Amino acid sequence: VQLVESGGGLVQAGDSLRLSCTASGSTSIINAMGWYRQAPGKQREVVAFFATGSGSVTYADYAKGRFTVSREDVKNTIHLEMTRLTFEDTAVYYCQAEGWVMGAGRLEYWGQGTQVTVSA
């Protein structure tokens, strides 16, 4: 499975931004996907995640009410719509997917990341 993110960039505080992640390869094994981020000098943290068989998305507290995950299953693409961005949202944002393969067990995949920079 390959994950490619897009949509990052430089925005001002209060702006909105939409990130996209497209999965390719053996996408049928994917059973969960999520967005994570890593700010400079900090550990990677979850933004939101969901089980692909469920319509329910779990958001980190800081993302609730500001960020929304949407899916385009036909395109194997998920989006992260971010609104009211603040300087603290500056980070590299990563798309993540999990799958399970008999004999191999749980597998995890990461995109290359896309930089989001919010100017104060």
PDB file of N, CA and C in Angstrom:
ATOM      1  N   VAL A   1       0.853  -1.199   0.000  1.00  0.00           N
ATOM      2  CA  VAL A   1       0.000   0.000   0.000  1.00  0.00           C
ATOM      3  C   VAL A   1       0.887   1.246   0.000  1.00  0.00           C
ATOM      4  N   GLN A   2       0.550   2.172  -0.860  1.00  0.00           N
ATOM      5  CA  GLN A   2       1.279   3.455  -0.895  1.00  0.00           C
ATOM      6  C   GLN A   2       0.285   4.574  -0.577  1.00  0.00           C
ATOM      7  N   LEU A   3       0.752   5.526   0.201  1.00  0.00           N
ATOM      8  CA  LEU A   3      -0.072   6.672   0.580  1.00  0.00           C
ATOM      9  C   LEU A   3       0.627   7.943   0.141  1.00  0.00           C
ATOM     10  N   VAL A   4      -0.102   8.802  -0.531  1.00  0.00           N
ATOM     11  CA  VAL A   4       0.474  10.064  -0.987  1.00  0.00           C
ATOM     12  C   VAL A   4      -0.403  11.208  -0.510  1.00  0.00           C
ATOM     13  N   GLU A   5       0.186  12.100   0.281  1.00  0.00           N
ATOM     14  CA  GLU A   5      -0.545  13.264   0.771  1.00  0.00           C
ATOM     15  C   GLU A   5      -0.311  14.450  -0.146  1.00  0.00           C
ATOM     16  N   SER A   6      -1.250  15.360  -0.095  1.00  0.00           N
ATOM     17  CA  SER A   6      -1.111  16.610  -0.832  1.00  0.00           C
ATOM     18  C   SER A   6      -1.949  17.671  -0.147  1.00  0.00           C
ATOM     19  N   GLY A   7      -1.689  18.924  -0.500  1.00  0.00           N
ATOM     20  CA  GLY A   7      -2.527  20.005  -0.006  1.00  0.00           C
ATOM     21  C   GLY A   7      -1.910  20.879   1.059  1.00  0.00           C
ATOM     22  N   GLY A   8      -0.728  20.536   1.523  1.00  0.00           N
ATOM     23  CA  GLY A   8      -0.109  21.370   2.539  1.00  0.00           C
ATOM     24  C   GLY A   8       0.324  22.701   1.974  1.00  0.00           C
ATOM     25  N   GLY A   9       0.744  23.604   2.865  1.00  0.00           N
ATOM     26  CA  GLY A   9       1.203  24.894   2.406  1.00  0.00           C
ATOM     27  C   GLY A   9       1.313  25.889   3.535  1.00  0.00           C
ATOM     28  N   LEU A  10       1.523  27.133   3.159  1.00  0.00           N
ATOM     29  CA  LEU A  10       1.645  28.235   4.111  1.00  0.00           C
ATOM     30  C   LEU A  10       0.350  29.033   4.116  1.00  0.00           C
ATOM     31  N   VAL A  11      -0.236  29.166   5.289  1.00  0.00           N
ATOM     32  CA  VAL A  11      -1.480  29.920   5.430  1.00  0.00           C
ATOM     33  C   VAL A  11      -1.366  30.847   6.623  1.00  0.00           C
ATOM     34  N   GLN A  12      -2.319  31.743   6.744  1.00  0.00           N
ATOM     35  CA  GLN A  12      -2.358  32.648   7.882  1.00  0.00           C
ATOM     36  C   GLN A  12      -3.285  32.109   8.959  1.00  0.00           C
ATOM     37  N   ALA A  13      -3.064  32.545  10.162  1.00  0.00           N
ATOM     38  CA  ALA A  13      -3.937  32.142  11.263  1.00  0.00           C
ATOM     39  C   ALA A  13      -5.379  32.508  10.930  1.00  0.00           C
ATOM     40  N   GLY A  14      -6.273  31.568  11.209  1.00  0.00           N
ATOM     41  CA  GLY A  14      -7.675  31.781  10.903  1.00  0.00           C
ATOM     42  C   GLY A  14      -8.108  31.206   9.566  1.00  0.00           C
ATOM     43  N   ASP A  15      -7.138  30.888   8.718  1.00  0.00           N
ATOM     44  CA  ASP A  15      -7.443  30.328   7.402  1.00  0.00           C
ATOM     45  C   ASP A  15      -7.845  28.868   7.502  1.00  0.00           C
ATOM     46  N   SER A  16      -8.272  28.339   6.363  1.00  0.00           N
ATOM     47  CA  SER A  16      -8.609  26.925   6.246  1.00  0.00           C
ATOM     48  C   SER A  16      -7.695  26.264   5.227  1.00  0.00           C
ATOM     49  N   LEU A  17      -7.577  24.957   5.342  1.00  0.00           N
ATOM     50  CA  LEU A  17      -6.735  24.201   4.422  1.00  0.00           C
ATOM     51  C   LEU A  17      -7.285  22.788   4.318  1.00  0.00           C
ATOM     52  N   ARG A  18      -7.167  22.217   3.141  1.00  0.00           N
ATOM     53  CA  ARG A  18      -7.657  20.867   2.931  1.00  0.00           C
ATOM     54  C   ARG A  18      -6.509  19.976   2.488  1.00  0.00           C
ATOM     55  N   LEU A  19      -6.273  18.937   3.246  1.00  0.00           N
ATOM     56  CA  LEU A  19      -5.270  17.942   2.893  1.00  0.00           C
ATOM     57  C   LEU A  19      -5.958  16.729   2.277  1.00  0.00           C
ATOM     58  N   SER A  20      -5.255  16.065   1.391  1.00  0.00           N
ATOM     59  CA  SER A  20      -5.773  14.850   0.776  1.00  0.00           C
ATOM     60  C   SER A  20      -4.747  13.736   0.873  1.00  0.00           C
ATOM     61  N   CYS A  21      -5.246  12.514   0.917  1.00  0.00           N
ATOM     62  CA  CYS A  21      -4.381  11.342   0.954  1.00  0.00           C
ATOM     63  C   CYS A  21      -4.999  10.292   0.041  1.00  0.00           C
ATOM     64  N   THR A  22      -4.223   9.868  -0.929  1.00  0.00           N
ATOM     65  CA  THR A  22      -4.697   8.843  -1.853  1.00  0.00           C
ATOM     66  C   THR A  22      -3.907   7.565  -1.656  1.00  0.00           C
ATOM     67  N   ALA A  23      -4.622   6.486  -1.492  1.00  0.00           N
ATOM     68  CA  ALA A  23      -4.009   5.176  -1.298  1.00  0.00           C
ATOM     69  C   ALA A  23      -3.999   4.414  -2.612  1.00  0.00           C
ATOM     70  N   SER A  24      -2.943   3.669  -2.840  1.00  0.00           N
ATOM     71  CA  SER A  24      -2.847   2.822  -4.025  1.00  0.00           C
ATOM     72  C   SER A  24      -2.192   1.503  -3.632  1.00  0.00           C
ATOM     73  N   GLY A  25      -2.230   0.554  -4.532  1.00  0.00           N
ATOM     74  CA  GLY A  25      -1.674  -0.761  -4.240  1.00  0.00           C
ATOM     75  C   GLY A  25      -2.751  -1.680  -3.705  1.00  0.00           C
ATOM     76  N   SER A  26      -2.411  -2.474  -2.718  1.00  0.00           N
ATOM     77  CA  SER A  26      -3.331  -3.463  -2.153  1.00  0.00           C
ATOM     78  C   SER A  26      -4.274  -2.817  -1.136  1.00  0.00           C
ATOM     79  N   THR A  27      -5.068  -1.901  -1.603  1.00  0.00           N
ATOM     80  CA  THR A  27      -5.926  -1.128  -0.699  1.00  0.00           C
ATOM     81  C   THR A  27      -7.021  -1.966  -0.056  1.00  0.00           C
ATOM     82  N   SER A  28      -7.294  -3.131  -0.613  1.00  0.00           N
ATOM     83  CA  SER A  28      -8.368  -3.951  -0.042  1.00  0.00           C
ATOM     84  C   SER A  28      -8.033  -4.473   1.350  1.00  0.00           C
ATOM     85  N   ILE A  29      -6.778  -4.440   1.736  1.00  0.00           N
ATOM     86  CA  ILE A  29      -6.407  -4.936   3.060  1.00  0.00           C
ATOM     87  C   ILE A  29      -6.574  -3.869   4.148  1.00  0.00           C
ATOM     88  N   ILE A  30      -6.794  -2.628   3.733  1.00  0.00           N
ATOM     89  CA  ILE A  30      -6.877  -1.536   4.695  1.00  0.00           C
ATOM     90  C   ILE A  30      -8.165  -1.649   5.514  1.00  0.00           C
ATOM     91  N   ASN A  31      -8.024  -1.587   6.835  1.00  0.00           N
ATOM     92  CA  ASN A  31      -9.220  -1.614   7.678  1.00  0.00           C
ATOM     93  C   ASN A  31      -9.316  -0.383   8.587  1.00  0.00           C
ATOM     94  N   ALA A  32      -8.324   0.477   8.534  1.00  0.00           N
ATOM     95  CA  ALA A  32      -8.384   1.709   9.315  1.00  0.00           C
ATOM     96  C   ALA A  32      -7.454   2.739   8.683  1.00  0.00           C
ATOM     97  N   MET A  33      -7.809   3.999   8.828  1.00  0.00           N
ATOM     98  CA  MET A  33      -6.956   5.078   8.320  1.00  0.00           C
ATOM     99  C   MET A  33      -6.997   6.238   9.294  1.00  0.00           C
ATOM    100  N   GLY A  34      -6.007   7.080   9.194  1.00  0.00           N
ATOM    101  CA  GLY A  34      -5.984   8.214  10.091  1.00  0.00           C
ATOM    102  C   GLY A  34      -5.045   9.302   9.613  1.00  0.00           C
ATOM    103  N   TRP A  35      -5.130  10.419  10.272  1.00  0.00           N
ATOM    104  CA  TRP A  35      -4.220  11.535  10.073  1.00  0.00           C
ATOM    105  C   TRP A  35      -3.448  11.762  11.363  1.00  0.00           C
ATOM    106  N   TYR A  36      -2.156  12.001  11.219  1.00  0.00           N
ATOM    107  CA  TYR A  36      -1.292  12.295  12.344  1.00  0.00           C
ATOM    108  C   TYR A  36      -0.503  13.553  11.993  1.00  0.00           C
ATOM    109  N   ARG A  37       0.106  14.142  13.005  1.00  0.00           N
ATOM    110  CA  ARG A  37       0.947  15.294  12.734  1.00  0.00           C
ATOM    111  C   ARG A  37       2.136  15.307  13.691  1.00  0.00           C
ATOM    112  N   GLN A  38       3.184  15.960  13.246  1.00  0.00           N
ATOM    113  CA  GLN A  38       4.375  16.092  14.073  1.00  0.00           C
ATOM    114  C   GLN A  38       4.916  17.503  13.939  1.00  0.00           C
ATOM    115  N   ALA A  39       4.865  18.216  15.038  1.00  0.00           N
ATOM    116  CA  ALA A  39       5.394  19.571  15.080  1.00  0.00           C
ATOM    117  C   ALA A  39       6.887  19.523  15.405  1.00  0.00           C
ATOM    118  N   PRO A  40       7.621  20.547  15.066  1.00  0.00           N
ATOM    119  CA  PRO A  40       9.060  20.567  15.348  1.00  0.00           C
ATOM    120  C   PRO A  40       9.348  20.351  16.831  1.00  0.00           C
ATOM    121  N   GLY A  41      10.224  19.407  17.123  1.00  0.00           N
ATOM    122  CA  GLY A  41      10.606  19.138  18.494  1.00  0.00           C
ATOM    123  C   GLY A  41       9.587  18.368  19.307  1.00  0.00           C
ATOM    124  N   LYS A  42       8.524  17.930  18.671  1.00  0.00           N
ATOM    125  CA  LYS A  42       7.475  17.211  19.392  1.00  0.00           C
ATOM    126  C   LYS A  42       7.266  15.824  18.802  1.00  0.00           C
ATOM    127  N   GLN A  43       6.600  14.979  19.582  1.00  0.00           N
ATOM    128  CA  GLN A  43       6.299  13.645  19.095  1.00  0.00           C
ATOM    129  C   GLN A  43       5.117  13.672  18.144  1.00  0.00           C
ATOM    130  N   ARG A  44       5.071  12.675  17.304  1.00  0.00           N
ATOM    131  CA  ARG A  44       3.932  12.556  16.395  1.00  0.00           C
ATOM    132  C   ARG A  44       2.676  12.298  17.219  1.00  0.00           C
ATOM    133  N   GLU A  45       1.590  12.950  16.832  1.00  0.00           N
ATOM    134  CA  GLU A  45       0.336  12.780  17.561  1.00  0.00           C
ATOM    135  C   GLU A  45      -0.807  12.548  16.579  1.00  0.00           C
ATOM    136  N   VAL A  46      -1.833  11.902  17.074  1.00  0.00           N
ATOM    137  CA  VAL A  46      -2.985  11.608  16.235  1.00  0.00           C
ATOM    138  C   VAL A  46      -3.829  12.864  16.053  1.00  0.00           C
ATOM    139  N   VAL A  47      -4.363  13.006  14.869  1.00  0.00           N
ATOM    140  CA  VAL A  47      -5.325  14.073  14.568  1.00  0.00           C
ATOM    141  C   VAL A  47      -6.732  13.479  14.550  1.00  0.00           C
ATOM    142  N   ALA A  48      -6.881  12.417  13.785  1.00  0.00           N
ATOM    143  CA  ALA A  48      -8.177  11.744  13.664  1.00  0.00           C
ATOM    144  C   ALA A  48      -7.956  10.378  13.047  1.00  0.00           C
ATOM    145  N   PHE A  49      -8.859   9.447  13.338  1.00  0.00           N
ATOM    146  CA  PHE A  49      -8.742   8.121  12.744  1.00  0.00           C
ATOM    147  C   PHE A  49     -10.130   7.494  12.667  1.00  0.00           C
ATOM    148  N   PHE A  50     -10.241   6.497  11.801  1.00  0.00           N
ATOM    149  CA  PHE A  50     -11.513   5.799  11.663  1.00  0.00           C
ATOM    150  C   PHE A  50     -11.272   4.400  11.119  1.00  0.00           C
ATOM    151  N   ALA A  51     -12.200   3.534  11.438  1.00  0.00           N
ATOM    152  CA  ALA A  51     -12.214   2.201  10.849  1.00  0.00           C
ATOM    153  C   ALA A  51     -12.945   2.293   9.522  1.00  0.00           C
ATOM    154  N   THR A  52     -12.388   1.709   8.481  1.00  0.00           N
ATOM    155  CA  THR A  52     -12.975   1.881   7.159  1.00  0.00           C
ATOM    156  C   THR A  52     -14.364   1.270   7.050  1.00  0.00           C
ATOM    157  N   GLY A  53     -14.664   0.298   7.900  1.00  0.00           N
ATOM    158  CA  GLY A  53     -15.984  -0.301   7.882  1.00  0.00           C
ATOM    159  C   GLY A  53     -17.009   0.471   8.688  1.00  0.00           C
ATOM    160  N   SER A  54     -16.567   1.532   9.312  1.00  0.00           N
ATOM    161  CA  SER A  54     -17.434   2.341  10.162  1.00  0.00           C
ATOM    162  C   SER A  54     -17.505   3.754   9.617  1.00  0.00           C
ATOM    163  N   GLY A  55     -18.600   4.431   9.859  1.00  0.00           N
ATOM    164  CA  GLY A  55     -18.724   5.817   9.444  1.00  0.00           C
ATOM    165  C   GLY A  55     -18.300   6.785  10.508  1.00  0.00           C
ATOM    166  N   SER A  56     -17.809   6.256  11.638  1.00  0.00           N
ATOM    167  CA  SER A  56     -17.488   7.107  12.777  1.00  0.00           C
ATOM    168  C   SER A  56     -16.023   7.489  12.787  1.00  0.00           C
ATOM    169  N   VAL A  57     -15.731   8.763  12.954  1.00  0.00           N
ATOM    170  CA  VAL A  57     -14.370   9.276  13.026  1.00  0.00           C
ATOM    171  C   VAL A  57     -14.091   9.744  14.455  1.00  0.00           C
ATOM    172  N   THR A  58     -12.943   9.384  14.968  1.00  0.00           N
ATOM    173  CA  THR A  58     -12.518   9.845  16.288  1.00  0.00           C
ATOM    174  C   THR A  58     -11.496  10.953  16.108  1.00  0.00           C
ATOM    175  N   TYR A  59     -11.735  12.069  16.782  1.00  0.00           N
ATOM    176  CA  TYR A  59     -10.849  13.237  16.653  1.00  0.00           C
ATOM    177  C   TYR A  59     -10.111  13.497  17.956  1.00  0.00           C
ATOM    178  N   ALA A  60      -8.904  14.006  17.831  1.00  0.00           N
ATOM    179  CA  ALA A  60      -8.212  14.503  19.003  1.00  0.00           C
ATOM    180  C   ALA A  60      -8.958  15.722  19.520  1.00  0.00           C
ATOM    181  N   ASP A  61      -8.814  15.988  20.807  1.00  0.00           N
ATOM    182  CA  ASP A  61      -9.564  17.094  21.406  1.00  0.00           C
ATOM    183  C   ASP A  61      -9.316  18.410  20.682  1.00  0.00           C
ATOM    184  N   TYR A  62      -8.078  18.659  20.302  1.00  0.00           N
ATOM    185  CA  TYR A  62      -7.763  19.945  19.667  1.00  0.00           C
ATOM    186  C   TYR A  62      -8.359  20.046  18.261  1.00  0.00           C
ATOM    187  N   ALA A  63      -8.738  18.903  17.690  1.00  0.00           N
ATOM    188  CA  ALA A  63      -9.274  18.891  16.335  1.00  0.00           C
ATOM    189  C   ALA A  63     -10.802  18.966  16.298  1.00  0.00           C
ATOM    190  N   LYS A  64     -11.423  18.629  17.408  1.00  0.00           N
ATOM    191  CA  LYS A  64     -12.888  18.612  17.441  1.00  0.00           C
ATOM    192  C   LYS A  64     -13.461  19.996  17.149  1.00  0.00           C
ATOM    193  N   GLY A  65     -14.386  20.043  16.238  1.00  0.00           N
ATOM    194  CA  GLY A  65     -15.039  21.296  15.885  1.00  0.00           C
ATOM    195  C   GLY A  65     -14.296  22.129  14.857  1.00  0.00           C
ATOM    196  N   ARG A  66     -13.021  21.787  14.601  1.00  0.00           N
ATOM    197  CA  ARG A  66     -12.246  22.548  13.620  1.00  0.00           C
ATOM    198  C   ARG A  66     -11.827  21.700  12.422  1.00  0.00           C
ATOM    199  N   PHE A  67     -11.568  20.435  12.668  1.00  0.00           N
ATOM    200  CA  PHE A  67     -11.091  19.564  11.595  1.00  0.00           C
ATOM    201  C   PHE A  67     -12.170  18.535  11.254  1.00  0.00           C
ATOM    202  N   THR A  68     -12.246  18.193   9.987  1.00  0.00           N
ATOM    203  CA  THR A  68     -13.219  17.195   9.552  1.00  0.00           C
ATOM    204  C   THR A  68     -12.560  16.247   8.556  1.00  0.00           C
ATOM    205  N   VAL A  69     -12.742  14.961   8.777  1.00  0.00           N
ATOM    206  CA  VAL A  69     -12.265  13.941   7.847  1.00  0.00           C
ATOM    207  C   VAL A  69     -13.413  13.513   6.945  1.00  0.00           C
ATOM    208  N   SER A  70     -13.122  13.452   5.665  1.00  0.00           N
ATOM    209  CA  SER A  70     -14.109  12.948   4.716  1.00  0.00           C
ATOM    210  C   SER A  70     -13.460  11.894   3.831  1.00  0.00           C
ATOM    211  N   ARG A  71     -14.302  11.106   3.181  1.00  0.00           N
ATOM    212  CA  ARG A  71     -13.802   9.990   2.395  1.00  0.00           C
ATOM    213  C   ARG A  71     -14.373  10.013   0.986  1.00  0.00           C
ATOM    214  N   GLU A  72     -13.560   9.635   0.041  1.00  0.00           N
ATOM    215  CA  GLU A  72     -14.006   9.370  -1.338  1.00  0.00           C
ATOM    216  C   GLU A  72     -13.560   7.948  -1.640  1.00  0.00           C
ATOM    217  N   ASP A  73     -14.371   6.980  -1.251  1.00  0.00           N
ATOM    218  CA  ASP A  73     -13.972   5.583  -1.362  1.00  0.00           C
ATOM    219  C   ASP A  73     -13.691   5.163  -2.802  1.00  0.00           C
ATOM    220  N   VAL A  74     -14.441   5.724  -3.735  1.00  0.00           N
ATOM    221  CA  VAL A  74     -14.236   5.354  -5.138  1.00  0.00           C
ATOM    222  C   VAL A  74     -12.829   5.726  -5.591  1.00  0.00           C
ATOM    223  N   LYS A  75     -12.312   6.814  -5.033  1.00  0.00           N
ATOM    224  CA  LYS A  75     -10.973   7.289  -5.408  1.00  0.00           C
ATOM    225  C   LYS A  75      -9.904   6.833  -4.424  1.00  0.00           C
ATOM    226  N   ASN A  76     -10.290   6.022  -3.426  1.00  0.00           N
ATOM    227  CA  ASN A  76      -9.346   5.606  -2.383  1.00  0.00           C
ATOM    228  C   ASN A  76      -8.657   6.815  -1.757  1.00  0.00           C
ATOM    229  N   THR A  77      -9.442   7.822  -1.509  1.00  0.00           N
ATOM    230  CA  THR A  77      -8.897   9.085  -1.024  1.00  0.00           C
ATOM    231  C   THR A  77      -9.631   9.532   0.226  1.00  0.00           C
ATOM    232  N   ILE A  78      -8.866  10.051   1.171  1.00  0.00           N
ATOM    233  CA  ILE A  78      -9.470  10.707   2.325  1.00  0.00           C
ATOM    234  C   ILE A  78      -8.965  12.141   2.372  1.00  0.00           C
ATOM    235  N   HIS A  79      -9.738  12.981   3.011  1.00  0.00           N
ATOM    236  CA  HIS A  79      -9.385  14.383   3.127  1.00  0.00           C
ATOM    237  C   HIS A  79      -9.395  14.798   4.590  1.00  0.00           C
ATOM    238  N   LEU A  80      -8.634  15.815   4.872  1.00  0.00           N
ATOM    239  CA  LEU A  80      -8.667  16.440   6.188  1.00  0.00           C
ATOM    240  C   LEU A  80      -8.914  17.926   5.966  1.00  0.00           C
ATOM    241  N   GLU A  81     -10.120  18.338   6.286  1.00  0.00           N
ATOM    242  CA  GLU A  81     -10.491  19.738   6.154  1.00  0.00           C
ATOM    243  C   GLU A  81     -10.190  20.422   7.473  1.00  0.00           C
ATOM    244  N   MET A  82      -9.320  21.422   7.446  1.00  0.00           N
ATOM    245  CA  MET A  82      -8.913  22.111   8.667  1.00  0.00           C
ATOM    246  C   MET A  82      -9.367  23.553   8.594  1.00  0.00           C
ATOM    247  N   THR A  83     -10.025  24.008   9.621  1.00  0.00           N
ATOM    248  CA  THR A  83     -10.510  25.386   9.666  1.00  0.00           C
ATOM    249  C   THR A  83      -9.964  26.083  10.905  1.00  0.00           C
ATOM    250  N   ARG A  84     -10.052  27.400  10.907  1.00  0.00           N
ATOM    251  CA  ARG A  84      -9.595  28.225  12.042  1.00  0.00           C
ATOM    252  C   ARG A  84      -8.209  27.786  12.499  1.00  0.00           C
ATOM    253  N   LEU A  85      -7.324  27.689  11.561  1.00  0.00           N
ATOM    254  CA  LEU A  85      -5.969  27.240  11.869  1.00  0.00           C
ATOM    255  C   LEU A  85      -5.241  28.246  12.749  1.00  0.00           C
ATOM    256  N   THR A  86      -4.421  27.722  13.631  1.00  0.00           N
ATOM    257  CA  THR A  86      -3.604  28.545  14.506  1.00  0.00           C
ATOM    258  C   THR A  86      -2.132  28.176  14.331  1.00  0.00           C
ATOM    259  N   PHE A  87      -1.276  28.999  14.906  1.00  0.00           N
ATOM    260  CA  PHE A  87       0.150  28.744  14.805  1.00  0.00           C
ATOM    261  C   PHE A  87       0.502  27.356  15.337  1.00  0.00           C
ATOM    262  N   GLU A  88      -0.245  26.921  16.361  1.00  0.00           N
ATOM    263  CA  GLU A  88       0.026  25.626  16.984  1.00  0.00           C
ATOM    264  C   GLU A  88      -0.303  24.447  16.067  1.00  0.00           C
ATOM    265  N   ASP A  89      -0.987  24.707  14.985  1.00  0.00           N
ATOM    266  CA  ASP A  89      -1.294  23.638  14.031  1.00  0.00           C
ATOM    267  C   ASP A  89      -0.154  23.421  13.036  1.00  0.00           C
ATOM    268  N   THR A  90       0.868  24.233  13.125  1.00  0.00           N
ATOM    269  CA  THR A  90       2.014  24.063  12.247  1.00  0.00           C
ATOM    270  C   THR A  90       2.686  22.723  12.519  1.00  0.00           C
ATOM    271  N   ALA A  91       2.809  21.906  11.490  1.00  0.00           N
ATOM    272  CA  ALA A  91       3.360  20.568  11.651  1.00  0.00           C
ATOM    273  C   ALA A  91       3.450  19.899  10.284  1.00  0.00           C
ATOM    274  N   VAL A  92       4.128  18.766  10.272  1.00  0.00           N
ATOM    275  CA  VAL A  92       4.051  17.887   9.109  1.00  0.00           C
ATOM    276  C   VAL A  92       2.884  16.934   9.365  1.00  0.00           C
ATOM    277  N   TYR A  93       1.991  16.859   8.421  1.00  0.00           N
ATOM    278  CA  TYR A  93       0.811  16.023   8.562  1.00  0.00           C
ATOM    279  C   TYR A  93       0.992  14.743   7.752  1.00  0.00           C
ATOM    280  N   TYR A  94       0.720  13.634   8.407  1.00  0.00           N
ATOM    281  CA  TYR A  94       0.918  12.332   7.793  1.00  0.00           C
ATOM    282  C   TYR A  94      -0.397  11.568   7.680  1.00  0.00           C
ATOM    283  N   CYS A  95      -0.535  10.873   6.607  1.00  0.00           N
ATOM    284  CA  CYS A  95      -1.645   9.938   6.405  1.00  0.00           C
ATOM    285  C   CYS A  95      -1.149   8.550   6.828  1.00  0.00           C
ATOM    286  N   GLN A  96      -1.994   7.815   7.504  1.00  0.00           N
ATOM    287  CA  GLN A  96      -1.632   6.492   7.995  1.00  0.00           C
ATOM    288  C   GLN A  96      -2.738   5.506   7.669  1.00  0.00           C
ATOM    289  N   ALA A  97      -2.345   4.286   7.370  1.00  0.00           N
ATOM    290  CA  ALA A  97      -3.325   3.232   7.102  1.00  0.00           C
ATOM    291  C   ALA A  97      -2.886   1.947   7.781  1.00  0.00           C
ATOM    292  N   GLU A  98      -3.859   1.164   8.200  1.00  0.00           N
ATOM    293  CA  GLU A  98      -3.576  -0.128   8.815  1.00  0.00           C
ATOM    294  C   GLU A  98      -4.319  -1.207   8.047  1.00  0.00           C
ATOM    295  N   GLY A  99      -3.706  -2.333   7.989  1.00  0.00           N
ATOM    296  CA  GLY A  99      -4.343  -3.466   7.342  1.00  0.00           C
ATOM    297  C   GLY A  99      -3.953  -4.736   8.053  1.00  0.00           C
ATOM    298  N   TRP A 100      -4.622  -5.799   7.673  1.00  0.00           N
ATOM    299  CA  TRP A 100      -4.290  -7.089   8.259  1.00  0.00           C
ATOM    300  C   TRP A 100      -4.216  -8.117   7.150  1.00  0.00           C
ATOM    301  N   VAL A 101      -3.131  -8.865   7.149  1.00  0.00           N
ATOM    302  CA  VAL A 101      -2.914  -9.887   6.134  1.00  0.00           C
ATOM    303  C   VAL A 101      -2.612 -11.202   6.837  1.00  0.00           C
ATOM    304  N   MET A 102      -3.336 -12.224   6.461  1.00  0.00           N
ATOM    305  CA  MET A 102      -3.120 -13.534   7.078  1.00  0.00           C
ATOM    306  C   MET A 102      -1.682 -13.972   6.849  1.00  0.00           C
ATOM    307  N   GLY A 103      -1.041 -14.374   7.923  1.00  0.00           N
ATOM    308  CA  GLY A 103       0.349 -14.793   7.835  1.00  0.00           C
ATOM    309  C   GLY A 103       1.317 -13.675   8.172  1.00  0.00           C
ATOM    310  N   ALA A 104       0.913 -12.447   7.895  1.00  0.00           N
ATOM    311  CA  ALA A 104       1.774 -11.308   8.192  1.00  0.00           C
ATOM    312  C   ALA A 104       1.276 -10.521   9.386  1.00  0.00           C
ATOM    313  N   GLY A 105      -0.011 -10.642   9.670  1.00  0.00           N
ATOM    314  CA  GLY A 105      -0.562  -9.913  10.800  1.00  0.00           C
ATOM    315  C   GLY A 105      -0.880  -8.480  10.456  1.00  0.00           C
ATOM    316  N   ARG A 106      -0.784  -7.619  11.467  1.00  0.00           N
ATOM    317  CA  ARG A 106      -1.100  -6.200  11.302  1.00  0.00           C
ATOM    318  C   ARG A 106       0.018  -5.496  10.558  1.00  0.00           C
ATOM    319  N   LEU A 107      -0.376  -4.722   9.567  1.00  0.00           N
ATOM    320  CA  LEU A 107       0.586  -3.950   8.789  1.00  0.00           C
ATOM    321  C   LEU A 107       0.218  -2.471   8.882  1.00  0.00           C
ATOM    322  N   GLU A 108       1.217  -1.629   8.875  1.00  0.00           N
ATOM    323  CA  GLU A 108       0.995  -0.191   9.004  1.00  0.00           C
ATOM    324  C   GLU A 108       1.734   0.536   7.885  1.00  0.00           C
ATOM    325  N   TYR A 109       1.077   1.543   7.347  1.00  0.00           N
ATOM    326  CA  TYR A 109       1.655   2.290   6.237  1.00  0.00           C
ATOM    327  C   TYR A 109       1.566   3.779   6.530  1.00  0.00           C
ATOM    328  N   TRP A 110       2.563   4.509   6.051  1.00  0.00           N
ATOM    329  CA  TRP A 110       2.621   5.953   6.254  1.00  0.00           C
ATOM    330  C   TRP A 110       2.917   6.650   4.930  1.00  0.00           C
ATOM    331  N   GLY A 111       2.324   7.811   4.791  1.00  0.00           N
ATOM    332  CA  GLY A 111       2.674   8.656   3.668  1.00  0.00           C
ATOM    333  C   GLY A 111       3.958   9.417   3.969  1.00  0.00           C
ATOM    334  N   GLN A 112       4.394  10.206   3.005  1.00  0.00           N
ATOM    335  CA  GLN A 112       5.652  10.929   3.162  1.00  0.00           C
ATOM    336  C   GLN A 112       5.480  12.203   3.982  1.00  0.00           C
ATOM    337  N   GLY A 113       4.246  12.602   4.205  1.00  0.00           N
ATOM    338  CA  GLY A 113       3.973  13.803   4.978  1.00  0.00           C
ATOM    339  C   GLY A 113       3.852  15.036   4.106  1.00  0.00           C
ATOM    340  N   THR A 114       3.063  15.973   4.577  1.00  0.00           N
ATOM    341  CA  THR A 114       2.909  17.252   3.888  1.00  0.00           C
ATOM    342  C   THR A 114       2.987  18.370   4.934  1.00  0.00           C
ATOM    343  N   GLN A 115       3.769  19.381   4.634  1.00  0.00           N
ATOM    344  CA  GLN A 115       4.018  20.453   5.598  1.00  0.00           C
ATOM    345  C   GLN A 115       2.863  21.454   5.613  1.00  0.00           C
ATOM    346  N   VAL A 116       2.404  21.751   6.813  1.00  0.00           N
ATOM    347  CA  VAL A 116       1.422  22.811   7.011  1.00  0.00           C
ATOM    348  C   VAL A 116       2.063  23.854   7.916  1.00  0.00           C
ATOM    349  N   THR A 117       2.142  25.064   7.429  1.00  0.00           N
ATOM    350  CA  THR A 117       2.736  26.150   8.202  1.00  0.00           C
ATOM    351  C   THR A 117       1.705  27.260   8.348  1.00  0.00           C
ATOM    352  N   VAL A 118       1.439  27.620   9.589  1.00  0.00           N
ATOM    353  CA  VAL A 118       0.465  28.664   9.869  1.00  0.00           C
ATOM    354  C   VAL A 118       1.210  29.855  10.454  1.00  0.00           C
ATOM    355  N   SER A 119       1.121  30.957   9.764  1.00  0.00           N
ATOM    356  CA  SER A 119       1.787  32.166  10.252  1.00  0.00           C
ATOM    357  C   SER A 119       0.861  32.886  11.226  1.00  0.00           C
ATOM    358  N   ALA A 120       1.478  33.365  12.287  1.00  0.00           N
ATOM    359  CA  ALA A 120       0.684  34.013  13.348  1.00  0.00           C
ATOM    360  C   ALA A 120       0.175  35.379  12.903  1.00  0.00           C
TER     361      ALA A 120
END
